[in-house]
C-alpha cells in the first residue's frame, strides 16, 4: 500500500517544484537544478508506477 502513496507524492512534488521554479518562487530565482530535481522526482514516480501491481 505504500507504493501508490510514494508514487503520487513524487509525481506531485516534482510537478510543484517545476511550477514554482518557473514562477520564480524558489530561492535563487530560476535555476536548472530545480528543473532537474523536478524531472528526477517525476521519473522516480513513473518508476514506482511500474512496480505497483
Protein backbone atom coordinates (compact mmCIF):
# COMPACT_ATOMS: atom_id res chain seq x y z
CA UNK A 1 0.00 0.00 0.00
CA UNK A 2 2.97 2.33 0.36
CA UNK A 3 3.94 2.20 -3.32
CA UNK A 4 0.98 4.26 -4.65
CA UNK A 5 1.46 6.84 -1.90
CA UNK A 6 5.14 7.29 -2.75
CA UNK A 7 4.34 7.32 -6.47
CA UNK A 8 1.75 10.09 -6.19
CA UNK A 9 3.89 12.06 -3.74
CA UNK A 10 6.84 12.00 -6.14
CA UNK A 11 4.70 12.98 -9.12
CA UNK A 12 3.00 15.84 -7.29
CA UNK A 13 6.14 17.25 -5.65
CA UNK A 14 8.07 17.01 -8.92
CA UNK A 15 5.35 18.94 -10.69
CA UNK A 16 5.20 21.54 -7.93
CA UNK A 17 8.98 22.03 -8.00
CA UNK A 18 8.90 22.68 -11.74
CA UNK A 19 5.94 25.06 -11.50
CA UNK A 20 7.40 27.03 -8.59
CA UNK A 21 10.73 27.20 -10.42
CA UNK A 22 9.12 28.84 -13.45
CA UNK A 23 7.13 31.20 -11.25
CA UNK A 24 10.36 32.24 -9.51
CA UNK A 25 9.15 31.32 -6.03
CA UNK A 26 12.13 29.14 -5.11
CA UNK A 27 15.26 30.68 -3.58
CA UNK A 28 17.92 31.66 -6.07
CA UNK A 29 15.48 32.58 -8.85
CA UNK A 30 15.08 30.22 -11.81
CA UNK A 31 17.79 27.59 -11.91
CA UNK A 32 18.29 24.47 -13.95
CA UNK A 33 18.97 22.37 -10.86
CA UNK A 34 15.38 22.86 -9.70
CA UNK A 35 14.14 21.76 -13.11
CA UNK A 36 16.40 18.72 -12.96
CA UNK A 37 15.20 17.91 -9.43
CA UNK A 38 11.57 18.07 -10.56
CA UNK A 39 12.22 15.85 -13.56
CA UNK A 40 14.08 13.30 -11.42
CA UNK A 41 11.17 13.18 -8.98
CA UNK A 42 8.66 12.67 -11.81
CA UNK A 43 10.84 9.95 -13.33
CA UNK A 44 11.08 8.22 -9.95
CA UNK A 45 7.28 8.42 -9.71
CA UNK A 46 6.97 6.65 -13.06
CA UNK A 47 9.45 4.01 -11.91
CA UNK A 48 7.33 3.40 -8.81
CA UNK A 49 4.27 3.15 -11.08
CA UNK A 50 5.87 0.19 -12.85
CA UNK A 51 6.46 -1.53 -9.50
CA UNK A 52 2.79 -1.27 -8.48
CA UNK A 53 0.50 -4.15 -9.49
